[in-house]
């Protein structure tokens, strides 16, 4: 058998159409999410991200300015599931769909997430891996301002630090118990 048909030995790759199909599916799901959110009048709910695993497990991560309830997630999931089935995006029905919030341990990704968390304690990790904890005070298009406290009681020093988004690797909410 000739190597001309197969290309160089060991270089056979996964079909590029799969990547294109997955990108197309993500775009279609993104459009569907926006249509459903408009239809069910969930103005404060917004899309954070979409992930599709090779097992056709579709994960849609949403957030809301006023908090995302389980009831809203269930309503959106049911509406999406129905449309995905009707459109035949997975003709054999071999897919699963999860609609949820990203989870408290996930970093903030969108400006809208930062804004909704003003007043909460955050941990900012910079591109150089330095970490700073403090209260999120302000969010602009360019970056954030946090209030840090070093020392305790009368010796406490309170400072405001600004960070450009271009310098931030990730920001996570710190849950205080």
N, C-alpha and C. Protein backbone atom coordinates (compact mmCIF):
# COMPACT_ATOMS: atom_id res chain seq x y z
N UNK A 1 0.85 -1.17 0.00
CA UNK A 1 0.00 0.00 0.00
C UNK A 1 0.89 1.24 0.00
N UNK A 2 0.54 2.21 -0.75
CA UNK A 2 1.34 3.41 -0.90
C UNK A 2 1.05 4.41 0.20
N UNK A 3 2.14 5.07 0.69
CA UNK A 3 2.00 6.11 1.70
C UNK A 3 1.42 7.39 1.11
N UNK A 4 1.34 7.48 -0.22
CA UNK A 4 0.82 8.69 -0.85
C UNK A 4 -0.63 8.95 -0.47
N UNK A 5 -1.42 7.88 -0.34
CA UNK A 5 -2.83 8.06 0.02
C UNK A 5 -2.99 8.46 1.47
N UNK A 6 -2.14 7.96 2.33
CA UNK A 6 -2.29 8.20 3.76
C UNK A 6 -1.50 9.39 4.26
N UNK A 7 -0.64 9.95 3.46
CA UNK A 7 0.23 11.01 3.95
C UNK A 7 1.44 10.37 4.60
N UNK A 8 2.24 11.15 5.28
CA UNK A 8 3.43 10.61 5.94
C UNK A 8 3.02 9.69 7.08
N UNK A 9 3.81 8.67 7.29
CA UNK A 9 3.53 7.69 8.33
C UNK A 9 3.45 8.37 9.69
N UNK A 10 2.39 8.08 10.43
CA UNK A 10 2.24 8.60 11.78
C UNK A 10 1.69 10.01 11.86
N UNK A 11 1.34 10.60 10.73
CA UNK A 11 0.85 11.98 10.77
C UNK A 11 -0.65 12.06 10.52
N UNK A 12 -1.33 10.92 10.43
CA UNK A 12 -2.77 10.97 10.23
C UNK A 12 -3.38 11.70 11.42
N UNK A 13 -4.27 12.63 11.14
CA UNK A 13 -4.84 13.43 12.22
C UNK A 13 -6.35 13.24 12.27
N UNK A 14 -6.92 13.73 13.34
CA UNK A 14 -8.35 13.71 13.51
C UNK A 14 -8.94 14.60 12.43
N UNK A 15 -10.05 14.25 11.85
CA UNK A 15 -10.61 15.05 10.76
C UNK A 15 -10.86 16.49 11.20
N UNK A 16 -10.43 17.46 10.38
CA UNK A 16 -10.61 18.86 10.73
C UNK A 16 -12.09 19.24 10.75
N UNK A 17 -12.93 18.47 10.07
CA UNK A 17 -14.36 18.78 10.06
C UNK A 17 -14.96 18.67 11.46
N UNK A 18 -14.39 17.82 12.33
CA UNK A 18 -14.89 17.69 13.70
C UNK A 18 -14.75 19.01 14.44
N UNK A 19 -13.61 19.65 14.32
CA UNK A 19 -13.38 20.92 15.00
C UNK A 19 -14.34 21.97 14.45
N UNK A 20 -14.50 22.00 13.15
CA UNK A 20 -15.42 22.96 12.55
C UNK A 20 -16.84 22.68 13.01
N UNK A 21 -17.23 21.42 13.08
CA UNK A 21 -18.56 21.06 13.52
C UNK A 21 -18.77 21.46 14.97
N UNK A 22 -17.76 21.24 15.81
CA UNK A 22 -17.89 21.61 17.21
C UNK A 22 -18.01 23.13 17.35
N UNK A 23 -17.19 23.89 16.60
CA UNK A 23 -17.29 25.35 16.63
C UNK A 23 -18.66 25.81 16.16
N UNK A 24 -19.16 25.18 15.11
CA UNK A 24 -20.47 25.52 14.59
C UNK A 24 -21.55 25.20 15.63
N UNK A 25 -21.41 24.07 16.30
CA UNK A 25 -22.37 23.68 17.33
C UNK A 25 -22.33 24.66 18.49
N UNK A 26 -21.15 25.06 18.92
CA UNK A 26 -21.04 26.03 20.01
C UNK A 26 -21.71 27.35 19.62
N UNK A 27 -21.48 27.80 18.40
CA UNK A 27 -22.11 29.03 17.92
C UNK A 27 -23.63 28.87 17.90
N UNK A 28 -24.11 27.73 17.42
CA UNK A 28 -25.56 27.49 17.37
C UNK A 28 -26.15 27.45 18.77
N UNK A 29 -25.45 26.81 19.71
CA UNK A 29 -25.94 26.74 21.09
C UNK A 29 -25.94 28.12 21.72
N UNK A 30 -24.91 28.90 21.44
CA UNK A 30 -24.84 30.27 21.96
C UNK A 30 -26.04 31.09 21.47
N UNK A 31 -26.34 30.98 20.19
CA UNK A 31 -27.50 31.68 19.62
C UNK A 31 -28.78 31.19 20.28
N UNK A 32 -28.90 29.88 20.47
CA UNK A 32 -30.07 29.30 21.10
C UNK A 32 -30.24 29.82 22.53
N UNK A 33 -29.17 29.88 23.29
CA UNK A 33 -29.24 30.38 24.66
C UNK A 33 -29.79 31.80 24.67
N UNK A 34 -29.25 32.65 23.81
CA UNK A 34 -29.71 34.04 23.77
C UNK A 34 -31.20 34.13 23.39
N UNK A 35 -31.64 33.29 22.45
CA UNK A 35 -33.05 33.29 22.06
C UNK A 35 -33.93 32.85 23.22
N UNK A 36 -33.52 31.81 23.92
CA UNK A 36 -34.32 31.30 25.04
C UNK A 36 -34.37 32.32 26.18
N UNK A 37 -33.24 32.95 26.48
CA UNK A 37 -33.22 33.95 27.54
C UNK A 37 -34.16 35.11 27.21
N UNK A 38 -34.20 35.51 25.95
CA UNK A 38 -35.11 36.59 25.54
C UNK A 38 -36.57 36.12 25.63
N UNK A 39 -36.81 34.87 25.25
CA UNK A 39 -38.16 34.33 25.23
C UNK A 39 -38.74 34.17 26.63
N UNK A 40 -37.94 33.73 27.58
CA UNK A 40 -38.46 33.50 28.94
C UNK A 40 -38.31 34.74 29.82
N UNK A 41 -37.93 35.84 29.20
CA UNK A 41 -37.80 37.11 29.90
C UNK A 41 -36.89 37.01 31.11
N UNK A 42 -35.68 36.53 30.87
CA UNK A 42 -34.66 36.41 31.91
C UNK A 42 -33.57 37.43 31.60
N UNK A 43 -33.93 38.73 31.69
CA UNK A 43 -33.01 39.80 31.29
C UNK A 43 -31.72 39.81 32.09
N UNK A 44 -31.81 39.42 33.37
CA UNK A 44 -30.61 39.51 34.20
C UNK A 44 -29.71 38.28 34.08
N UNK A 45 -30.14 37.26 33.34
CA UNK A 45 -29.34 36.05 33.13
C UNK A 45 -28.46 36.26 31.91
N UNK A 46 -27.20 35.84 32.03
CA UNK A 46 -26.28 35.99 30.90
C UNK A 46 -25.39 34.77 30.75
N UNK A 47 -24.95 34.54 29.52
CA UNK A 47 -24.10 33.41 29.18
C UNK A 47 -22.66 33.70 29.57
N UNK A 48 -22.04 32.76 30.30
CA UNK A 48 -20.63 32.88 30.66
C UNK A 48 -19.78 32.07 29.70
N UNK A 49 -20.10 30.80 29.51
CA UNK A 49 -19.33 29.96 28.58
C UNK A 49 -20.10 28.70 28.21
N UNK A 50 -19.61 28.06 27.16
CA UNK A 50 -20.16 26.79 26.69
C UNK A 50 -18.99 25.84 26.48
N UNK A 51 -19.14 24.62 26.95
CA UNK A 51 -18.13 23.59 26.71
C UNK A 51 -18.83 22.36 26.17
N UNK A 52 -18.21 21.72 25.19
CA UNK A 52 -18.74 20.46 24.66
C UNK A 52 -17.62 19.43 24.73
N UNK A 53 -17.88 18.38 25.47
CA UNK A 53 -16.89 17.30 25.59
C UNK A 53 -17.05 16.35 24.40
N UNK A 54 -16.01 15.58 24.10
CA UNK A 54 -16.09 14.63 22.97
C UNK A 54 -17.23 13.62 23.11
N UNK A 55 -17.75 13.44 24.32
CA UNK A 55 -18.86 12.51 24.54
C UNK A 55 -20.21 13.18 24.29
N UNK A 56 -20.19 14.34 23.62
CA UNK A 56 -21.40 15.12 23.34
C UNK A 56 -22.10 15.60 24.61
N UNK A 57 -21.31 15.84 25.63
CA UNK A 57 -21.82 16.43 26.87
C UNK A 57 -21.70 17.94 26.73
N UNK A 58 -22.85 18.60 26.62
CA UNK A 58 -22.89 20.05 26.44
C UNK A 58 -23.08 20.69 27.81
N UNK A 59 -22.16 21.57 28.16
CA UNK A 59 -22.25 22.29 29.44
C UNK A 59 -22.41 23.77 29.14
N UNK A 60 -23.50 24.33 29.62
CA UNK A 60 -23.79 25.74 29.43
C UNK A 60 -23.71 26.40 30.81
N UNK A 61 -22.81 27.37 30.92
CA UNK A 61 -22.62 28.06 32.19
C UNK A 61 -23.23 29.45 32.09
N UNK A 62 -24.18 29.73 32.98
CA UNK A 62 -24.89 31.00 33.02
C UNK A 62 -24.66 31.67 34.36
N UNK A 63 -24.91 32.96 34.40
CA UNK A 63 -24.88 33.71 35.65
C UNK A 63 -26.03 34.70 35.57
N UNK A 64 -26.31 35.36 36.68
CA UNK A 64 -27.39 36.35 36.69
C UNK A 64 -27.03 37.46 37.67
N UNK A 65 -27.43 38.65 37.33
CA UNK A 65 -27.14 39.80 38.19
C UNK A 65 -27.77 39.64 39.57
N UNK A 66 -28.94 39.02 39.62
CA UNK A 66 -29.65 38.86 40.89
C UNK A 66 -29.49 37.46 41.48
N UNK A 67 -28.57 36.68 40.93
CA UNK A 67 -28.38 35.29 41.39
C UNK A 67 -29.13 34.34 40.47
N UNK A 68 -28.56 33.19 40.24
CA UNK A 68 -29.14 32.21 39.32
C UNK A 68 -29.75 31.07 40.12
N UNK A 69 -31.06 30.96 40.06
CA UNK A 69 -31.76 29.90 40.81
C UNK A 69 -31.74 28.58 40.05
N UNK A 70 -31.94 27.52 40.79
CA UNK A 70 -32.04 26.19 40.18
C UNK A 70 -33.24 26.14 39.25
N UNK A 71 -34.34 26.78 39.65
CA UNK A 71 -35.54 26.80 38.83
C UNK A 71 -35.27 27.41 37.45
N UNK A 72 -34.51 28.51 37.41
CA UNK A 72 -34.18 29.13 36.13
C UNK A 72 -33.33 28.18 35.28
N UNK A 73 -32.36 27.51 35.92
CA UNK A 73 -31.50 26.57 35.18
C UNK A 73 -32.33 25.44 34.59
N UNK A 74 -33.27 24.90 35.38
CA UNK A 74 -34.11 23.80 34.91
C UNK A 74 -34.97 24.26 33.74
N UNK A 75 -35.56 25.44 33.85
CA UNK A 75 -36.42 25.98 32.79
C UNK A 75 -35.63 26.16 31.49
N UNK A 76 -34.44 26.71 31.60
CA UNK A 76 -33.59 26.93 30.43
C UNK A 76 -33.12 25.60 29.84
N UNK A 77 -32.74 24.67 30.71
CA UNK A 77 -32.29 23.34 30.27
C UNK A 77 -33.39 22.65 29.46
N UNK A 78 -34.60 22.65 30.00
CA UNK A 78 -35.72 21.97 29.31
C UNK A 78 -36.00 22.60 27.94
N UNK A 79 -35.99 23.92 27.90
CA UNK A 79 -36.24 24.61 26.63
C UNK A 79 -35.14 24.29 25.62
N UNK A 80 -33.88 24.30 26.07
CA UNK A 80 -32.76 24.01 25.17
C UNK A 80 -32.79 22.57 24.69
N UNK A 81 -33.02 21.65 25.60
CA UNK A 81 -33.04 20.22 25.27
C UNK A 81 -34.06 19.95 24.16
N UNK A 82 -35.24 20.54 24.32
CA UNK A 82 -36.30 20.35 23.34
C UNK A 82 -35.86 20.83 21.95
N UNK A 83 -35.25 22.01 21.88
CA UNK A 83 -34.83 22.56 20.60
C UNK A 83 -33.70 21.74 19.98
N UNK A 84 -32.72 21.33 20.79
CA UNK A 84 -31.60 20.53 20.28
C UNK A 84 -32.13 19.22 19.69
N UNK A 85 -33.08 18.59 20.36
CA UNK A 85 -33.67 17.36 19.83
C UNK A 85 -34.45 17.63 18.54
N UNK A 86 -35.28 18.68 18.54
CA UNK A 86 -36.10 18.99 17.37
C UNK A 86 -35.26 19.33 16.15
N UNK A 87 -34.15 20.02 16.36
CA UNK A 87 -33.29 20.42 15.24
C UNK A 87 -32.42 19.26 14.75
N UNK A 88 -32.34 18.19 15.54
CA UNK A 88 -31.58 17.01 15.13
C UNK A 88 -30.07 17.23 15.10
N UNK A 89 -29.57 18.07 15.99
CA UNK A 89 -28.13 18.33 16.02
C UNK A 89 -27.34 17.07 16.38
N UNK A 90 -27.98 16.18 17.10
CA UNK A 90 -27.39 14.88 17.43
C UNK A 90 -28.42 13.83 17.02
N UNK A 91 -28.41 13.43 15.73
CA UNK A 91 -29.47 12.58 15.17
C UNK A 91 -29.71 11.29 15.95
N UNK A 92 -28.67 10.72 16.53
CA UNK A 92 -28.86 9.48 17.27
C UNK A 92 -29.32 9.74 18.71
N UNK A 93 -29.50 11.00 19.07
CA UNK A 93 -29.95 11.35 20.42
C UNK A 93 -28.88 11.17 21.47
N UNK A 94 -27.65 10.97 21.02
CA UNK A 94 -26.55 10.70 21.94
C UNK A 94 -25.89 12.00 22.41
N UNK A 95 -26.56 12.69 23.33
CA UNK A 95 -25.99 13.90 23.91
C UNK A 95 -26.57 14.11 25.29
N UNK A 96 -25.88 14.88 26.09
CA UNK A 96 -26.42 15.29 27.38
C UNK A 96 -26.24 16.79 27.49
N UNK A 97 -27.09 17.42 28.27
CA UNK A 97 -27.09 18.87 28.40
C UNK A 97 -27.13 19.24 29.87
N UNK A 98 -26.20 20.09 30.27
CA UNK A 98 -26.16 20.59 31.64
C UNK A 98 -26.18 22.11 31.59
N UNK A 99 -27.08 22.70 32.35
CA UNK A 99 -27.16 24.16 32.46
C UNK A 99 -26.97 24.49 33.94
N UNK A 100 -25.95 25.30 34.23
CA UNK A 100 -25.67 25.64 35.62
C UNK A 100 -24.89 26.95 35.69
N UNK A 101 -24.66 27.39 36.92
CA UNK A 101 -23.74 28.52 37.11
C UNK A 101 -22.33 27.93 37.05
N UNK A 102 -21.32 28.77 36.80
CA UNK A 102 -19.96 28.24 36.69
C UNK A 102 -19.45 27.62 37.99
N UNK A 103 -20.00 28.01 39.10
CA UNK A 103 -19.52 27.50 40.39
C UNK A 103 -18.64 28.54 41.06
N UNK A 104 -18.67 28.55 42.35
CA UNK A 104 -17.97 29.57 43.12
C UNK A 104 -16.45 29.44 42.99
N UNK A 105 -15.97 28.25 42.68
CA UNK A 105 -14.53 28.04 42.58
C UNK A 105 -13.96 28.40 41.20
N UNK A 106 -14.84 28.79 40.28
CA UNK A 106 -14.40 29.17 38.93
C UNK A 106 -14.02 30.65 38.90
N UNK A 107 -12.97 30.99 38.16
CA UNK A 107 -12.59 32.40 38.06
C UNK A 107 -13.64 33.23 37.31
N UNK A 108 -13.67 34.51 37.61
CA UNK A 108 -14.55 35.43 36.90
C UNK A 108 -14.03 35.58 35.47
N UNK A 109 -14.93 35.60 34.50
CA UNK A 109 -14.52 35.68 33.10
C UNK A 109 -15.01 36.93 32.39
N UNK A 110 -16.15 37.44 32.82
CA UNK A 110 -16.77 38.56 32.11
C UNK A 110 -16.81 39.81 32.98
N UNK A 111 -16.78 40.95 32.33
CA UNK A 111 -16.89 42.24 33.02
C UNK A 111 -18.16 42.27 33.87
N UNK A 112 -19.23 41.73 33.33
CA UNK A 112 -20.51 41.71 34.04
C UNK A 112 -20.41 40.90 35.34
N UNK A 113 -19.62 39.83 35.34
CA UNK A 113 -19.42 39.05 36.57
C UNK A 113 -18.66 39.88 37.60
N UNK A 114 -17.64 40.58 37.15
CA UNK A 114 -16.88 41.43 38.06
C UNK A 114 -17.82 42.46 38.70
N UNK A 115 -18.63 43.12 37.87
CA UNK A 115 -19.51 44.18 38.37
C UNK A 115 -20.52 43.65 39.38
N UNK A 116 -21.04 42.46 39.14
CA UNK A 116 -22.05 41.92 40.06
C UNK A 116 -21.42 41.51 41.39
N UNK A 117 -20.12 41.37 41.43
CA UNK A 117 -19.44 40.94 42.66
C UNK A 117 -18.73 42.08 43.40
N UNK A 118 -19.02 43.32 43.02
CA UNK A 118 -18.47 44.47 43.76
C UNK A 118 -18.92 44.35 45.22
N UNK A 119 -17.97 44.57 46.11
CA UNK A 119 -18.25 44.47 47.55
C UNK A 119 -17.85 43.14 48.15
N UNK A 120 -17.55 42.15 47.32
CA UNK A 120 -17.15 40.83 47.82
C UNK A 120 -15.64 40.72 47.90
N UNK A 121 -15.18 39.80 48.73
CA UNK A 121 -13.75 39.55 48.86
C UNK A 121 -13.29 38.68 47.70
N UNK A 122 -12.16 39.06 47.09
CA UNK A 122 -11.63 38.33 45.94
C UNK A 122 -10.15 38.03 46.12
N UNK A 123 -9.68 37.04 45.38
CA UNK A 123 -8.25 36.75 45.27
C UNK A 123 -7.87 36.98 43.82
N UNK A 124 -6.95 37.92 43.61
CA UNK A 124 -6.48 38.25 42.27
C UNK A 124 -5.12 37.61 42.06
N UNK A 125 -4.99 36.80 41.02
CA UNK A 125 -3.71 36.22 40.65
C UNK A 125 -3.23 36.94 39.40
N UNK A 126 -2.05 37.53 39.51
CA UNK A 126 -1.50 38.27 38.37
C UNK A 126 -0.76 37.33 37.43
N UNK A 127 -0.43 37.81 36.26
CA UNK A 127 0.29 37.00 35.27
C UNK A 127 1.63 36.49 35.79
N UNK A 128 2.24 37.22 36.73
CA UNK A 128 3.52 36.77 37.32
C UNK A 128 3.31 35.86 38.53
N UNK A 129 2.05 35.40 38.72
CA UNK A 129 1.64 34.47 39.78
C UNK A 129 1.53 35.11 41.17
N UNK A 130 1.80 36.41 41.32
CA UNK A 130 1.61 37.08 42.60
C UNK A 130 0.12 37.15 42.89
N UNK A 131 -0.25 36.92 44.17
CA UNK A 131 -1.65 36.92 44.57
C UNK A 131 -1.92 38.05 45.55
N UNK A 132 -3.09 38.65 45.42
CA UNK A 132 -3.52 39.71 46.32
C UNK A 132 -4.98 39.46 46.67
N UNK A 133 -5.30 39.55 47.97
CA UNK A 133 -6.67 39.40 48.43
C UNK A 133 -7.19 40.73 48.89
N UNK A 134 -8.46 40.96 48.66
CA UNK A 134 -9.08 42.19 49.12
C UNK A 134 -10.52 42.28 48.68
N UNK A 135 -11.14 43.38 49.07
CA UNK A 135 -12.53 43.65 48.73
C UNK A 135 -12.60 44.34 47.37
N UNK A 136 -13.41 43.81 46.48
CA UNK A 136 -13.58 44.40 45.15
C UNK A 136 -14.39 45.68 45.28
N UNK A 137 -13.76 46.81 44.97
CA UNK A 137 -14.39 48.12 45.15
C UNK A 137 -14.96 48.69 43.85
N UNK A 138 -14.22 48.53 42.77
CA UNK A 138 -14.60 49.20 41.52
C UNK A 138 -14.19 48.35 40.33
N UNK A 139 -14.99 48.44 39.28
CA UNK A 139 -14.71 47.73 38.04
C UNK A 139 -14.91 48.71 36.89
N UNK A 140 -13.90 48.81 36.02
CA UNK A 140 -14.01 49.63 34.81
C UNK A 140 -13.71 48.74 33.61
N UNK A 141 -13.79 49.30 32.44
CA UNK A 141 -13.46 48.56 31.21
C UNK A 141 -11.99 48.14 31.22
N UNK A 142 -11.14 48.90 31.89
CA UNK A 142 -9.70 48.65 31.88
C UNK A 142 -9.23 47.72 33.00
N UNK A 143 -9.92 47.72 34.14
CA UNK A 143 -9.43 46.91 35.26
C UNK A 143 -10.28 47.05 36.50
N UNK A 144 -9.67 46.66 37.64
CA UNK A 144 -10.40 46.65 38.90
C UNK A 144 -9.60 47.37 40.00
N UNK A 145 -10.32 47.77 41.03
CA UNK A 145 -9.71 48.33 42.23
C UNK A 145 -10.15 47.46 43.40
N UNK A 146 -9.18 47.02 44.20
CA UNK A 146 -9.53 46.27 45.40
C UNK A 146 -8.94 46.97 46.62
N UNK A 147 -9.58 46.74 47.75
CA UNK A 147 -9.12 47.30 49.01
C UNK A 147 -8.46 46.18 49.80
N UNK A 148 -7.18 46.37 50.15
CA UNK A 148 -6.45 45.37 50.91
C UNK A 148 -6.22 45.87 52.32
N UNK A 149 -6.14 44.94 53.25
CA UNK A 149 -5.87 45.27 54.65
C UNK A 149 -4.71 44.41 55.12
N UNK A 150 -3.66 45.06 55.61
CA UNK A 150 -2.54 44.33 56.20
C UNK A 150 -2.45 44.74 57.67
N UNK A 151 -2.14 43.78 58.53
CA UNK A 151 -2.10 44.05 59.97
C UNK A 151 -3.51 43.95 60.55
N UNK A 152 -3.58 44.12 61.88
CA UNK A 152 -4.87 43.99 62.56
C UNK A 152 -5.10 45.15 63.51
N UNK A 153 -6.36 45.36 63.82
CA UNK A 153 -6.82 46.36 64.78
C UNK A 153 -6.23 47.73 64.50
N UNK A 154 -5.58 48.35 65.47
CA UNK A 154 -5.04 49.71 65.32
C UNK A 154 -3.87 49.77 64.36
N UNK A 155 -3.21 48.65 64.15
CA UNK A 155 -2.05 48.61 63.26
C UNK A 155 -2.43 48.26 61.81
N UNK A 156 -3.72 48.14 61.58
CA UNK A 156 -4.18 47.77 60.25
C UNK A 156 -3.91 48.89 59.25
N UNK A 157 -3.40 48.49 58.10
CA UNK A 157 -3.15 49.44 57.00
C UNK A 157 -4.07 49.06 55.86
N UNK A 158 -4.92 50.01 55.48
CA UNK A 158 -5.87 49.78 54.39
C UNK A 158 -5.38 50.54 53.17
N UNK A 159 -5.27 49.80 52.04
CA UNK A 159 -4.81 50.39 50.79
C UNK A 159 -5.77 50.03 49.67
N UNK A 160 -5.81 50.88 48.67
CA UNK A 160 -6.54 50.56 47.45
C UNK A 160 -5.52 50.27 46.36
N UNK A 161 -5.69 49.13 45.71
CA UNK A 161 -4.78 48.73 44.64
C UNK A 161 -5.57 48.56 43.35
N UNK A 162 -4.97 49.05 42.28
CA UNK A 162 -5.61 48.92 40.97
C UNK A 162 -4.84 47.90 40.13
N UNK A 163 -5.60 47.12 39.39
CA UNK A 163 -5.02 46.11 38.51
C UNK A 163 -5.68 46.21 37.14
N UNK A 164 -4.87 46.27 36.11
CA UNK A 164 -5.39 46.25 34.74
C UNK A 164 -5.77 44.81 34.39
N UNK A 165 -6.84 44.65 33.63
CA UNK A 165 -7.24 43.30 33.22
C UNK A 165 -6.11 42.59 32.47
N UNK A 166 -5.30 43.33 31.74
CA UNK A 166 -4.20 42.73 30.99
C UNK A 166 -3.14 42.12 31.92
N UNK A 167 -3.10 42.56 33.19
CA UNK A 167 -2.14 42.02 34.16
C UNK A 167 -2.71 40.89 35.00
N UNK A 168 -4.02 40.66 34.88
CA UNK A 168 -4.70 39.66 35.72
C UNK A 168 -4.78 38.33 35.00
N UNK A 169 -4.27 37.29 35.66
CA UNK A 169 -4.41 35.93 35.14
C UNK A 169 -5.79 35.39 35.48
N UNK A 170 -6.21 35.57 36.75
CA UNK A 170 -7.55 35.15 37.16
C UNK A 170 -7.96 35.86 38.44
N UNK A 171 -9.27 35.93 38.64
CA UNK A 171 -9.85 36.49 39.86
C UNK A 171 -10.91 35.52 40.34
N UNK A 172 -10.82 35.14 41.62
CA UNK A 172 -11.80 34.24 42.21
C UNK A 172 -12.43 34.89 43.43
N UNK A 173 -13.69 34.56 43.66
CA UNK A 173 -14.41 35.02 44.83
C UNK A 173 -13.95 34.18 46.03
N UNK A 174 -13.74 34.84 47.16
CA UNK A 174 -13.39 34.15 48.40
C UNK A 174 -14.65 34.07 49.24
N UNK A 175 -15.01 32.88 49.64
CA UNK A 175 -16.19 32.67 50.47
C UNK A 175 -15.76 32.71 51.93
N UNK A 176 -16.41 33.58 52.68
CA UNK A 176 -16.12 33.68 54.13
C UNK A 176 -17.22 32.96 54.89
N UNK A 177 -16.81 32.10 55.81
CA UNK A 177 -17.78 31.35 56.63
C UNK A 177 -17.83 31.91 58.02
